[in-house]
Every structure is written in structure tokens, then in C-alpha cells.
N, C-alpha and C. Protein backbone atom coordinates (compact mmCIF):
# COMPACT_ATOMS: atom_id res chain seq x y z
N MET A 1 0.55 -0.61 0.13
CA MET A 1 0.39 0.07 0.27
C MET A 1 0.71 1.78 0.43
N ARG A 2 1.64 1.29 1.02
CA ARG A 2 2.91 2.68 0.86
C ARG A 2 3.38 2.50 -0.47
N LYS A 3 4.32 1.22 -1.03
CA LYS A 3 4.89 1.62 -2.72
C LYS A 3 4.33 2.06 -3.63
N GLY A 4 2.36 1.70 -3.68
CA GLY A 4 1.48 2.90 -4.56
C GLY A 4 0.99 4.01 -4.42
N ILE A 5 1.40 4.86 -2.70
CA ILE A 5 1.30 5.40 -2.04
C ILE A 5 2.64 7.04 -2.89
N CYS A 6 4.23 6.39 -2.57
CA CYS A 6 5.24 6.57 -2.64
C CYS A 6 5.74 6.71 -4.12
N VAL A 7 5.81 6.08 -4.96
CA VAL A 7 6.10 5.51 -6.76
C VAL A 7 4.51 7.57 -7.28
N PRO A 8 3.61 7.37 -7.36
CA PRO A 8 4.01 8.87 -7.78
C PRO A 8 3.62 9.32 -6.86
N MET A 9 3.98 10.13 -6.20
CA MET A 9 4.29 10.97 -5.33
C MET A 9 5.85 11.46 -5.68
N MET A 10 6.89 10.47 -6.09
CA MET A 10 8.01 10.75 -7.13
C MET A 10 8.19 10.43 -7.61
N THR A 11 7.50 10.48 -8.92
CA THR A 11 7.50 11.17 -10.26
C THR A 11 6.46 12.10 -10.50
N LEU A 12 5.98 12.25 -8.97
CA LEU A 12 5.28 14.04 -9.29
C LEU A 12 7.04 14.92 -9.50
N CYS A 13 7.23 14.52 -7.95
CA CYS A 13 8.77 15.15 -7.86
C CYS A 13 9.08 15.73 -8.98
N LEU A 14 9.39 14.92 -9.14
CA LEU A 14 10.88 14.97 -11.00
C LEU A 14 10.43 15.46 -11.83
N LEU A 15 8.55 15.76 -12.36
CA LEU A 15 7.70 15.97 -13.04
C LEU A 15 7.79 17.55 -12.85
N LEU A 16 7.55 17.80 -10.82
CA LEU A 16 8.55 19.30 -10.55
C LEU A 16 9.18 19.49 -11.09
N ALA A 17 11.23 19.53 -10.29
CA ALA A 17 11.64 19.44 -10.41
C ALA A 17 12.49 20.76 -12.58
N GLY A 18 11.61 18.92 -13.50
CA GLY A 18 12.24 19.02 -14.46
C GLY A 18 11.24 20.61 -15.55
N CYS A 19 10.57 21.04 -14.23
CA CYS A 19 10.14 21.97 -15.15
C CYS A 19 10.10 22.88 -14.56
N GLY A 20 10.81 23.16 -13.06
CA GLY A 20 12.41 24.27 -12.75
C GLY A 20 13.51 24.02 -13.98
N ALA A 21 13.20 22.96 -14.01
CA ALA A 21 14.88 22.56 -14.93
C ALA A 21 14.90 23.84 -16.30
N GLY A 22 13.64 23.41 -16.47
CA GLY A 22 13.18 24.25 -18.13
C GLY A 22 13.86 25.70 -18.40
N GLU A 23 12.58 25.97 -16.98
CA GLU A 23 12.49 27.58 -17.27
C GLU A 23 14.00 28.30 -16.85
N LYS A 24 14.53 27.92 -16.13
CA LYS A 24 16.27 27.62 -16.33
C LYS A 24 16.94 28.07 -17.64
N ALA A 25 16.29 27.07 -18.38
CA ALA A 25 16.89 26.73 -19.26
C ALA A 25 16.09 27.44 -20.32
N GLU A 26 15.17 28.27 -20.99
CA GLU A 26 14.34 29.14 -21.53
C GLU A 26 15.27 30.93 -20.86
N ALA A 27 15.06 31.18 -20.32
CA ALA A 27 16.03 32.24 -19.13
C ALA A 27 18.02 31.83 -20.42
N ALA A 28 18.59 31.29 -19.43
CA ALA A 28 19.40 31.12 -20.97
C ALA A 28 19.55 31.38 -22.27
N ASP A 29 18.68 31.21 -22.34
CA ASP A 29 19.07 30.68 -24.21
C ASP A 29 18.91 32.11 -24.81
N LEU A 30 17.61 32.93 -23.74
CA LEU A 30 17.31 34.17 -24.04
C LEU A 30 18.58 34.86 -23.93
N ARG A 31 19.90 34.45 -23.16
CA ARG A 31 20.40 35.15 -22.83
C ARG A 31 21.74 35.09 -24.25
N ASP A 32 21.39 33.98 -23.55
CA ASP A 32 22.88 33.34 -24.99
C ASP A 32 22.28 34.37 -26.36
N ALA A 33 21.87 34.70 -27.01
CA ALA A 33 21.18 35.48 -27.90
C ALA A 33 21.90 36.12 -27.75
N TYR A 34 22.02 37.18 -26.72
CA TYR A 34 22.05 38.38 -26.14
C TYR A 34 24.31 38.42 -25.84
N HIS A 35 24.56 37.03 -25.69
CA HIS A 35 26.04 37.02 -25.83
C HIS A 35 26.56 36.20 -26.97
N ASN A 36 25.91 35.68 -27.61
CA ASN A 36 26.28 35.29 -28.47
C ASN A 36 26.33 36.59 -30.68
N MET A 37 25.91 37.58 -29.93
CA MET A 37 25.95 38.18 -31.19
C MET A 37 26.34 39.41 -31.62
N ALA A 38 26.79 39.80 -32.78
CA ALA A 38 27.27 40.45 -33.16
C ALA A 38 27.01 41.93 -33.06
N GLY A 39 26.04 41.62 -32.54
CA GLY A 39 25.32 44.01 -32.19
C GLY A 39 24.18 43.65 -32.58
N CYS A 40 23.88 45.05 -32.16
CA CYS A 40 22.62 45.26 -31.90
C CYS A 40 21.68 46.97 -31.98
N THR A 41 20.60 47.21 -32.81
CA THR A 41 20.77 48.91 -33.07
C THR A 41 18.99 48.37 -31.99
N MET A 42 19.35 49.09 -32.04
CA MET A 42 17.38 49.57 -30.56
C MET A 42 17.03 51.23 -30.70
N GLU A 43 15.69 51.19 -30.22
CA GLU A 43 15.72 53.20 -29.22
C GLU A 43 15.35 52.07 -28.00
N ALA A 44 15.14 54.12 -27.83
CA ALA A 44 13.47 53.95 -26.36
C ALA A 44 14.41 55.03 -24.87
N GLU A 45 13.37 55.16 -25.05
CA GLU A 45 13.01 56.54 -23.56
C GLU A 45 13.52 55.93 -22.70
N VAL A 46 14.76 56.97 -22.04
CA VAL A 46 15.17 56.81 -21.55
C VAL A 46 15.79 57.48 -20.36
N SER A 47 14.70 57.69 -18.40
CA SER A 47 15.17 58.25 -17.89
C SER A 47 16.00 57.97 -16.64
N CYS A 48 16.29 59.59 -16.36
CA CYS A 48 17.37 59.21 -15.18
C CYS A 48 16.81 59.77 -14.29
N THR A 49 16.33 59.14 -12.37
CA THR A 49 16.64 60.45 -12.12
C THR A 49 17.43 59.76 -10.05
N GLN A 50 17.86 60.97 -10.03
CA GLN A 50 18.38 60.60 -8.30
C GLN A 50 18.18 61.91 -8.01
N GLY A 51 16.91 61.85 -6.89
CA GLY A 51 17.66 63.24 -5.32
C GLY A 51 16.43 64.15 -6.56
N GLU A 52 17.33 64.97 -6.07
CA GLU A 52 16.14 66.28 -7.10
C GLU A 52 16.61 66.79 -9.65
N GLN A 53 17.66 65.97 -9.48
CA GLN A 53 17.61 65.52 -11.05
C GLN A 53 16.86 64.76 -11.68
N ALA A 54 17.15 65.37 -12.58
CA ALA A 54 15.63 64.67 -13.15
C ALA A 54 15.80 64.37 -15.25
N TRP A 55 16.33 63.54 -15.77
CA TRP A 55 16.97 63.24 -17.32
C TRP A 55 16.03 63.30 -17.74
N GLN A 56 15.38 62.44 -19.18
CA GLN A 56 14.99 62.86 -19.64
C GLN A 56 15.07 62.52 -21.51
N ALA A 57 15.26 62.03 -22.20
CA ALA A 57 15.10 61.10 -23.39
C ALA A 57 14.78 60.72 -24.20
N ALA A 58 15.22 60.45 -26.02
CA ALA A 58 15.07 59.30 -26.37
C ALA A 58 16.05 58.88 -27.47
N LEU A 59 16.74 58.07 -27.73
CA LEU A 59 18.00 57.25 -27.27
C LEU A 59 17.65 56.44 -28.12
N ARG A 60 18.75 56.19 -29.42
CA ARG A 60 19.26 55.29 -30.90
C ARG A 60 20.07 55.15 -29.75
N CYS A 61 20.40 52.98 -30.38
CA CYS A 61 21.63 52.95 -29.55
C CYS A 61 22.39 51.99 -30.69
N ASP A 62 23.48 51.97 -31.01
CA ASP A 62 23.56 50.31 -31.86
C ASP A 62 24.88 50.23 -31.21
N TYR A 63 23.74 49.28 -30.88
CA TYR A 63 25.66 48.37 -29.66
C TYR A 63 26.46 47.33 -30.96
N CYS A 64 27.65 46.88 -30.20
CA CYS A 64 28.28 46.30 -30.53
C CYS A 64 29.49 45.59 -29.61
N PRO A 65 28.90 45.28 -29.19
CA PRO A 65 30.59 43.74 -28.16
C PRO A 65 31.77 44.97 -27.89
N ASP A 66 32.11 44.29 -28.97
CA ASP A 66 33.14 43.97 -29.61
C ASP A 66 33.86 44.84 -30.02
N GLY A 67 33.45 45.97 -30.64
CA GLY A 67 34.14 47.59 -30.76
C GLY A 67 32.74 49.16 -29.87
N LYS A 68 33.19 49.71 -31.97
CA LYS A 68 32.73 51.08 -30.70
C LYS A 68 31.33 50.95 -30.24
N THR A 69 30.66 51.16 -29.99
CA THR A 69 28.74 51.53 -29.89
C THR A 69 28.39 52.84 -29.46
N VAL A 70 27.60 53.72 -30.25
CA VAL A 70 27.08 54.55 -30.48
C VAL A 70 25.92 54.91 -29.58
N VAL A 71 25.63 56.21 -29.55
CA VAL A 71 23.90 56.17 -28.52
C VAL A 71 23.70 58.02 -28.86
N GLU A 72 22.72 58.01 -29.82
CA GLU A 72 22.60 59.30 -30.21
C GLU A 72 21.30 59.42 -29.98
N VAL A 73 21.22 60.82 -29.31
CA VAL A 73 19.65 61.78 -28.84
C VAL A 73 19.00 62.10 -29.93
N LEU A 74 18.40 61.54 -29.77
CA LEU A 74 17.20 61.71 -31.09
C LEU A 74 15.48 62.53 -30.40
N ALA A 75 15.55 62.81 -29.16
CA ALA A 75 14.12 64.01 -28.80
C ALA A 75 14.45 63.96 -27.24
N PRO A 76 14.58 65.61 -26.29
CA PRO A 76 13.86 66.37 -27.09
C PRO A 76 15.32 67.50 -28.01
N GLU A 77 14.09 68.03 -28.53
CA GLU A 77 14.78 68.69 -29.58
C GLU A 77 16.05 69.45 -29.80
N ASN A 78 16.63 70.42 -28.56
CA ASN A 78 17.08 71.36 -27.93
C ASN A 78 18.79 70.44 -27.49
N ILE A 79 18.84 68.81 -27.87
CA ILE A 79 19.56 68.12 -27.53
C ILE A 79 20.09 67.41 -29.21
N ALA A 80 19.45 67.16 -29.87
CA ALA A 80 18.98 65.87 -30.68
C ALA A 80 20.17 65.88 -31.25
N GLY A 81 20.78 65.12 -32.09
CA GLY A 81 22.16 64.88 -32.40
C GLY A 81 23.47 65.09 -31.94
N VAL A 82 23.76 65.19 -30.47
CA VAL A 82 24.28 64.59 -29.33
C VAL A 82 25.02 62.93 -29.35
N LYS A 83 25.68 62.94 -28.97
CA LYS A 83 26.51 61.45 -29.47
C LYS A 83 26.47 61.27 -28.44
N ALA A 84 27.00 59.97 -28.10
CA ALA A 84 28.00 59.73 -27.23
C ALA A 84 28.09 58.12 -27.97
N VAL A 85 30.11 57.97 -27.13
CA VAL A 85 30.10 57.12 -28.03
C VAL A 85 30.71 56.63 -27.05
N LEU A 86 30.93 55.65 -26.69
CA LEU A 86 31.65 54.27 -25.58
C LEU A 86 32.98 53.52 -26.57
N ASP A 87 33.66 53.61 -26.29
CA ASP A 87 35.24 52.30 -26.54
C ASP A 87 36.40 52.26 -27.15
N GLU A 88 36.22 50.75 -25.90
CA GLU A 88 37.48 50.29 -25.38
C GLU A 88 37.38 51.01 -23.60
N GLY A 89 36.61 51.34 -23.33
CA GLY A 89 36.05 51.71 -21.45
C GLY A 89 35.51 52.54 -22.06
N ALA A 90 36.13 53.72 -22.30
CA ALA A 90 36.44 55.77 -22.91
C ALA A 90 35.00 55.83 -22.90
N LEU A 91 33.74 56.85 -22.69
CA LEU A 91 32.96 57.91 -23.45
C LEU A 91 33.40 58.58 -23.51
N ARG A 92 32.79 58.85 -24.69
CA ARG A 92 32.30 60.65 -24.64
C ARG A 92 31.82 60.88 -25.34
N LEU A 93 30.86 62.60 -25.50
CA LEU A 93 29.79 63.28 -26.06
C LEU A 93 30.58 63.79 -26.86
N GLU A 94 29.71 63.50 -28.63
CA GLU A 94 30.32 64.38 -29.74
C GLU A 94 29.34 64.98 -29.88
N TYR A 95 29.71 66.35 -30.65
CA TYR A 95 28.72 66.66 -31.06
C TYR A 95 29.18 67.96 -32.38
N GLU A 96 28.62 67.62 -34.03
CA GLU A 96 29.08 69.00 -34.52
C GLU A 96 30.40 68.05 -34.52
N ASP A 97 31.11 69.52 -34.56
CA ASP A 97 32.73 69.80 -33.81
C ASP A 97 33.35 69.51 -32.44
N LEU A 98 32.46 69.24 -31.03
CA LEU A 98 32.55 69.52 -30.38
C LEU A 98 32.95 67.72 -29.93
N CYS A 99 33.78 67.33 -28.53
CA CYS A 99 34.20 66.24 -28.15
C CYS A 99 33.91 67.00 -26.45
N LEU A 100 32.99 66.07 -25.95
CA LEU A 100 33.15 66.19 -24.26
C LEU A 100 33.02 65.07 -23.49
N ASP A 101 33.57 65.67 -22.35
CA ASP A 101 33.95 64.46 -21.39
C ASP A 101 31.68 64.14 -21.02
N ALA A 102 31.94 62.51 -20.63
CA ALA A 102 30.22 62.30 -20.30
C ALA A 102 29.18 62.65 -19.69
N GLY A 103 28.12 63.43 -18.65
CA GLY A 103 28.55 63.63 -17.14
C GLY A 103 27.94 62.39 -17.12
N THR A 104 27.72 61.62 -15.66
CA THR A 104 27.52 60.92 -14.76
C THR A 104 26.83 60.90 -13.45
N VAL A 105 26.43 59.58 -13.10
CA VAL A 105 25.01 59.54 -11.70
C VAL A 105 25.65 59.08 -10.90
N SER A 106 25.59 58.76 -10.07
CA SER A 106 25.69 57.81 -8.83
C SER A 106 27.89 57.67 -8.48
N ALA A 107 27.17 57.28 -8.05
CA ALA A 107 29.06 56.91 -7.45
C ALA A 107 29.38 55.74 -8.70
N GLN A 108 29.39 55.37 -8.79
CA GLN A 108 29.59 54.65 -9.87
C GLN A 108 29.54 54.94 -11.05
N SER A 109 29.05 55.83 -11.11
CA SER A 109 29.96 57.16 -12.76
C SER A 109 29.44 56.42 -13.79
N ILE A 110 27.85 56.15 -13.97
CA ILE A 110 26.81 56.08 -14.80
C ILE A 110 26.56 56.78 -15.35
N SER A 111 26.36 57.03 -16.74
CA SER A 111 25.92 58.02 -17.34
C SER A 111 24.53 57.53 -18.10
N PRO A 112 23.77 58.24 -17.69
CA PRO A 112 22.74 58.60 -18.88
C PRO A 112 22.34 57.87 -19.84
N MET A 113 23.53 58.00 -20.53
CA MET A 113 23.79 58.24 -21.83
C MET A 113 23.76 56.34 -22.22
N ALA A 114 24.46 56.20 -21.00
CA ALA A 114 25.45 54.13 -21.18
C ALA A 114 24.24 53.56 -20.63
N CYS A 115 23.09 54.25 -20.42
CA CYS A 115 22.07 52.24 -19.82
C CYS A 115 21.92 52.43 -20.91
N LEU A 116 21.82 52.34 -21.94
CA LEU A 116 21.65 51.09 -23.34
C LEU A 116 22.82 50.29 -22.84
N PRO A 117 23.10 50.69 -23.36
CA PRO A 117 24.59 49.34 -23.19
C PRO A 117 24.51 48.65 -22.16
N ARG A 118 24.40 49.85 -20.90
CA ARG A 118 25.00 48.53 -19.97
C ARG A 118 23.89 47.24 -19.90
N LEU A 119 22.04 47.85 -19.61
CA LEU A 119 21.60 47.30 -20.37
C LEU A 119 22.11 46.31 -20.80
N MET A 120 22.31 45.69 -22.42
CA MET A 120 23.03 45.24 -22.54
C MET A 120 24.29 43.85 -22.33
N GLY A 121 25.49 44.82 -21.41
CA GLY A 121 25.86 44.37 -20.84
C GLY A 121 25.62 43.21 -19.91
N ALA A 122 24.54 44.41 -18.73
CA ALA A 122 24.07 43.02 -17.65
C ALA A 122 24.15 41.83 -18.40
N LEU A 123 22.62 41.57 -19.83
CA LEU A 123 22.36 40.28 -20.52
C LEU A 123 22.89 39.59 -20.69
N ARG A 124 23.82 40.26 -21.59
CA ARG A 124 25.01 38.96 -21.76
C ARG A 124 26.33 38.89 -20.20
N ASP A 125 26.42 39.43 -20.27
CA ASP A 125 27.45 38.79 -18.69
C ASP A 125 27.42 39.21 -17.33
N GLY A 126 26.02 40.30 -17.15
CA GLY A 126 25.76 40.77 -15.26
C GLY A 126 25.23 38.93 -14.43
N TRP A 127 25.91 38.55 -13.51
CA TRP A 127 25.49 37.73 -12.94
C TRP A 127 23.19 37.34 -12.23
N LEU A 128 23.02 36.55 -12.76
CA LEU A 128 21.74 36.20 -12.84
C LEU A 128 21.07 36.03 -10.79
N LEU A 129 20.69 36.83 -10.56
CA LEU A 129 20.20 37.16 -9.56
C LEU A 129 18.53 36.52 -8.84
N GLU A 130 17.61 36.60 -9.97
CA GLU A 130 15.91 36.75 -10.41
C GLU A 130 15.15 36.22 -11.75
N GLU A 131 14.39 35.50 -11.45
CA GLU A 131 13.95 34.92 -13.27
C GLU A 131 12.37 34.72 -13.40
N ASN A 132 11.71 35.38 -12.95
CA ASN A 132 10.39 34.94 -13.86
C ASN A 132 9.79 35.47 -14.19
N GLU A 133 8.23 34.65 -14.71
CA GLU A 133 7.14 35.23 -15.64
C GLU A 133 6.48 36.41 -14.67
N GLU A 134 6.40 37.46 -15.49
CA GLU A 134 5.69 38.23 -15.67
C GLU A 134 5.29 39.59 -16.60
N ASP A 135 3.69 38.91 -17.02
CA ASP A 135 2.89 40.47 -17.21
C ASP A 135 3.82 41.91 -17.74
N TRP A 136 4.97 42.96 -18.69
CA TRP A 136 4.26 44.77 -18.47
C TRP A 136 3.84 44.98 -19.65
N GLN A 137 3.01 45.42 -18.40
CA GLN A 137 1.67 46.91 -19.27
C GLN A 137 0.90 44.88 -20.38
N ASP A 138 0.47 44.21 -20.11
CA ASP A 138 -0.12 42.78 -20.63
C ASP A 138 0.37 42.47 -21.46
N VAL A 139 2.62 42.18 -21.58
CA VAL A 139 3.67 41.51 -22.69
C VAL A 139 3.22 40.77 -21.50
N PRO A 140 3.26 39.51 -22.33
CA PRO A 140 3.88 38.47 -21.67
C PRO A 140 6.02 38.32 -22.01
N CYS A 141 6.43 38.42 -20.16
CA CYS A 141 7.93 38.60 -20.09
C CYS A 141 8.82 37.75 -19.40
N LEU A 142 9.68 37.53 -19.89
CA LEU A 142 10.71 37.01 -18.91
C LEU A 142 11.50 38.42 -17.85
N ARG A 143 11.23 38.07 -16.73
CA ARG A 143 12.26 39.23 -15.96
C ARG A 143 13.20 38.68 -15.24
N LEU A 144 14.36 39.18 -16.20
CA LEU A 144 15.14 38.67 -14.85
C LEU A 144 15.85 40.55 -15.05
N THR A 145 16.77 39.96 -13.40
CA THR A 145 17.62 40.55 -12.11
C THR A 145 19.07 40.78 -12.06
N VAL A 146 19.90 41.10 -12.58
CA VAL A 146 21.33 40.52 -13.02
C VAL A 146 22.69 41.73 -12.35
N ASP A 147 23.17 40.44 -11.35
CA ASP A 147 24.74 41.73 -10.96
C ASP A 147 25.27 41.98 -11.52
N GLN A 148 25.47 43.44 -11.93
CA GLN A 148 27.15 44.47 -12.66
C GLN A 148 27.72 44.81 -11.38
N SER A 149 27.67 44.71 -10.10
CA SER A 149 28.55 45.85 -8.92
C SER A 149 29.74 46.24 -9.21
N GLY A 150 30.04 47.44 -8.96
CA GLY A 150 30.79 47.90 -10.10
C GLY A 150 32.14 47.73 -9.18
N VAL A 151 33.75 48.41 -8.73
CA VAL A 151 34.65 48.32 -8.32
C VAL A 151 34.51 50.01 -6.95
N GLN A 152 33.90 50.73 -6.60
CA GLN A 152 33.49 51.68 -6.02
C GLN A 152 32.91 51.36 -4.18
N ASP A 153 32.27 49.49 -5.01
CA ASP A 153 31.66 48.56 -3.06
C ASP A 153 30.04 48.68 -3.50
N GLY A 154 29.10 49.86 -4.32
CA GLY A 154 28.43 49.61 -4.80
C GLY A 154 27.52 48.98 -5.36
N LYS A 155 26.13 48.82 -4.59
CA LYS A 155 25.57 47.39 -5.59
C LYS A 155 25.16 48.46 -6.96
N ILE A 156 25.17 47.50 -8.02
CA ILE A 156 24.66 48.21 -9.52
C ILE A 156 23.44 46.75 -9.65
N LEU A 157 22.27 46.62 -9.66
CA LEU A 157 21.34 45.26 -10.24
C LEU A 157 20.60 46.34 -11.91
N SER A 158 20.23 45.72 -12.78
CA SER A 158 19.76 45.28 -13.70
C SER A 158 18.88 44.46 -14.06
N THR A 159 17.65 45.39 -14.50
CA THR A 159 16.23 44.40 -14.05
C THR A 159 16.48 44.47 -15.91
N ILE A 160 15.58 43.77 -16.59
CA ILE A 160 15.26 43.58 -18.35
C ILE A 160 14.22 42.63 -17.70
N TRP A 161 13.17 43.99 -18.71
CA TRP A 161 11.44 42.59 -19.21
C TRP A 161 11.71 42.26 -20.56
N LEU A 162 12.27 40.50 -20.52
CA LEU A 162 11.88 40.60 -22.46
C LEU A 162 11.03 39.65 -22.68
N ARG A 163 10.21 39.94 -23.51
CA ARG A 163 8.85 39.20 -23.80
C ARG A 163 9.68 37.88 -24.33
N GLN A 164 8.36 37.13 -24.15
CA GLN A 164 8.23 35.72 -24.34
C GLN A 164 8.44 35.69 -25.48
N ASP A 165 7.31 35.97 -26.66
CA ASP A 165 7.50 35.10 -28.01
C ASP A 165 8.53 36.50 -29.04
N ASP A 166 9.55 36.55 -27.90
CA ASP A 166 10.58 36.70 -29.71
C ASP A 166 11.56 36.97 -28.48
N GLY A 167 11.91 36.94 -27.47
CA GLY A 167 13.34 37.02 -26.25
C GLY A 167 13.78 38.42 -26.37
N THR A 168 12.82 39.55 -27.12
CA THR A 168 13.36 41.30 -27.02
C THR A 168 12.65 42.27 -26.10
N PRO A 169 13.40 42.18 -26.32
CA PRO A 169 13.39 43.84 -24.58
C PRO A 169 12.45 44.36 -25.33
N LEU A 170 11.97 45.22 -23.28
CA LEU A 170 10.68 45.73 -23.38
C LEU A 170 10.90 47.31 -22.82
N ARG A 171 10.92 46.43 -21.64
CA ARG A 171 11.55 47.74 -20.50
C ARG A 171 12.85 47.22 -19.91
N GLY A 172 13.62 48.18 -19.48
CA GLY A 172 14.96 48.48 -18.07
C GLY A 172 14.81 48.93 -16.32
N GLU A 173 15.55 48.64 -16.05
CA GLU A 173 15.92 49.06 -15.28
C GLU A 173 17.24 49.10 -14.57
N ILE A 174 17.80 50.77 -14.26
CA ILE A 174 19.28 50.25 -13.40
C ILE A 174 19.16 51.10 -12.10
N ALA A 175 19.48 49.68 -10.92
CA ALA A 175 19.38 50.72 -9.53
C ALA A 175 20.58 50.45 -8.49
N VAL A 176 20.87 51.56 -8.19
CA VAL A 176 22.15 52.12 -7.69
C VAL A 176 21.87 51.39 -5.78
N ASP A 177 22.53 50.32 -4.97
CA ASP A 177 22.39 51.20 -3.82
C ASP A 177 21.51 51.11 -3.68
N ASP A 178 19.83 49.99 -4.17
CA ASP A 178 18.05 49.73 -4.40
C ASP A 178 17.75 51.23 -4.90
N GLU A 179 18.97 51.70 -4.45
CA GLU A 179 17.29 52.45 -5.69
C GLU A 179 18.06 52.93 -7.83
N ILE A 180 16.46 52.39 -8.22
CA ILE A 180 16.32 52.62 -9.21
C ILE A 180 16.78 54.50 -10.49
N ILE A 181 18.10 54.22 -10.57
CA ILE A 181 18.01 55.29 -11.00
C ILE A 181 17.89 56.44 -12.97
N LEU A 182 17.59 54.89 -13.45
CA LEU A 182 17.71 55.15 -15.11
C LEU A 182 16.51 53.85 -15.17
N THR A 183 16.08 54.19 -15.63
CA THR A 183 14.64 53.24 -16.23
C THR A 183 14.88 53.08 -18.35
N ALA A 184 14.75 52.39 -18.95
CA ALA A 184 14.38 52.50 -20.61
C ALA A 184 13.12 52.37 -20.70
N GLU A 185 12.22 52.25 -21.90
CA GLU A 185 11.32 51.57 -22.68
C GLU A 185 11.16 51.64 -24.05
N PHE A 186 11.83 50.57 -24.32
CA PHE A 186 11.95 50.51 -26.29
C PHE A 186 11.15 50.80 -26.71
N THR A 187 10.88 51.37 -27.49
CA THR A 187 10.02 51.11 -28.91
C THR A 187 10.68 50.26 -29.60
N SER A 188 11.91 50.59 -30.26
CA SER A 188 12.05 49.49 -30.87
C SER A 188 13.95 48.78 -30.89
N PHE A 189 13.71 47.45 -31.76
CA PHE A 189 15.26 46.44 -31.41
C PHE A 189 15.36 45.47 -32.78
N ALA A 190 16.17 45.22 -33.00
CA ALA A 190 16.50 44.37 -33.84
C ALA A 190 18.37 44.05 -33.35
N PHE A 191 19.18 42.26 -33.74
CA PHE A 191 20.38 42.31 -33.91
C PHE A 191 20.70 41.98 -34.96
N TYR A 192 22.02 42.02 -35.12
CA TYR A 192 22.68 42.88 -36.50
C TYR A 192 21.96 42.09 -37.77
N ASP A 193 22.49 40.81 -36.93
CA ASP A 193 21.86 39.65 -38.22
C ASP A 193 20.53 39.77 -38.70
N THR A 194 19.38 39.95 -37.97
CA THR A 194 18.35 39.83 -38.46
C THR A 194 17.73 41.69 -39.57
N ILE A 195 18.13 42.74 -39.29
CA ILE A 195 18.55 43.42 -39.78
C ILE A 195 19.30 43.42 -41.56
N GLU A 196 20.23 42.59 -41.11
CA GLU A 196 20.79 42.04 -42.73
C GLU A 196 20.16 40.99 -43.53
N ASP A 197 19.52 39.61 -43.10
CA ASP A 197 18.35 39.45 -43.11
C ASP A 197 17.12 39.78 -44.02
N GLN A 198 16.57 41.49 -43.24
CA GLN A 198 15.50 42.34 -43.88
C GLN A 198 16.19 42.49 -45.67
N GLY A 199 17.96 43.10 -45.02
CA GLY A 199 18.07 44.13 -46.31
C GLY A 199 17.98 42.84 -47.53
N ALA A 200 18.44 41.53 -47.59
CA ALA A 200 18.58 40.45 -48.39
C ALA A 200 17.77 40.52 -49.13
């Protein structure tokens, strides 16, 4: 009698364990696409809030993990055309013939112009802390939180909502020492190989 009860319970435990493993594999598969990509292009509404500071802009980013990444301001109009160039760890602002150091936020020196590249870096190399299914604005997503803590002892966590249907980002947040300072609402996204396929 006891054997008859134990066998189904053991089977149920194995099935539950299998479900958990499947969910982790899905998150790993989504991250693999970012880790293996040649690059991507994206647009997003980026907001920065810290204390009394507030900043918001529409940004376009051409992200190249092994080369130069360029972020351009699309709006507001008074700063449209300003570009941030990230190359070999250095960040600079460019506008017409001017080249300036980029502004930073927080003790961890996170520039709002570097928000989108940092979120891509989080997907590629951050230490996964949490993963769960969560709708964002009625869109089924996989929500990932990864650790990107810096060298100055501050805790940097990035949270990204990836669409379940195609794995592209819908929203991102960057928090420093448990305070969300940067948010990104993605309006478009494409991997470089997807763009090339469409152009062929």
C-alpha cells in the first residue's frame, strides 16, 4: 500500500523538478542570443532620476560588444544629435565638431547615455539573481535581475523584461544601492543579423 503511494509522489517530484529546469534553460537560451550577437540597434525612452536631478530623452543605440558603440539623442529637440561614443571602456560626448566628457550619475559613474549599453552588458555578462514570468503592460515577459556591481563597492542591479515571444527587451531598470536611477522603455530592437536578413 505504501509503495503504491510513494511511486506517484516520486514521479510528481521529478516532474516538478523538470519544470524548474526547463524555465532556467529558457532564460539561458534568451541570454545566449545576446552573448553571441555581433551587435544590435535599438531605440528607447530613457529616464534618469536621482535626488533632485531629472533627465529624459529618446535615444538610439548601435551596440557593438567588441567594438565602438554609439548612442544618439533623438529628442528633446534642443539636444537632438548629441552622441555618446563608447570605445574600449572610454565614454565621450560628440556634437558636430565638439567632443566632451560624458556626464555621470551616482558614485558608480553611470551616465544616462550609457543606460542602453549597460543593459545589454547585463544581459550578456551580469550575474543572474532572479528570473520569473511577469507581464509588463499586458505583454508576457521573462523578468531577469542581474548583478553588475562595480569596483567602488556599490551594488548595481539591472532588471530587464524580455518578451516571451521573441526575447527582445521591453523595459529595463538600473538600480544603484537599491535606488532605481535609470529606466528604459524600448520602442524598437533588432539584432544585426536580423537587419541583414531583412535587407537581403
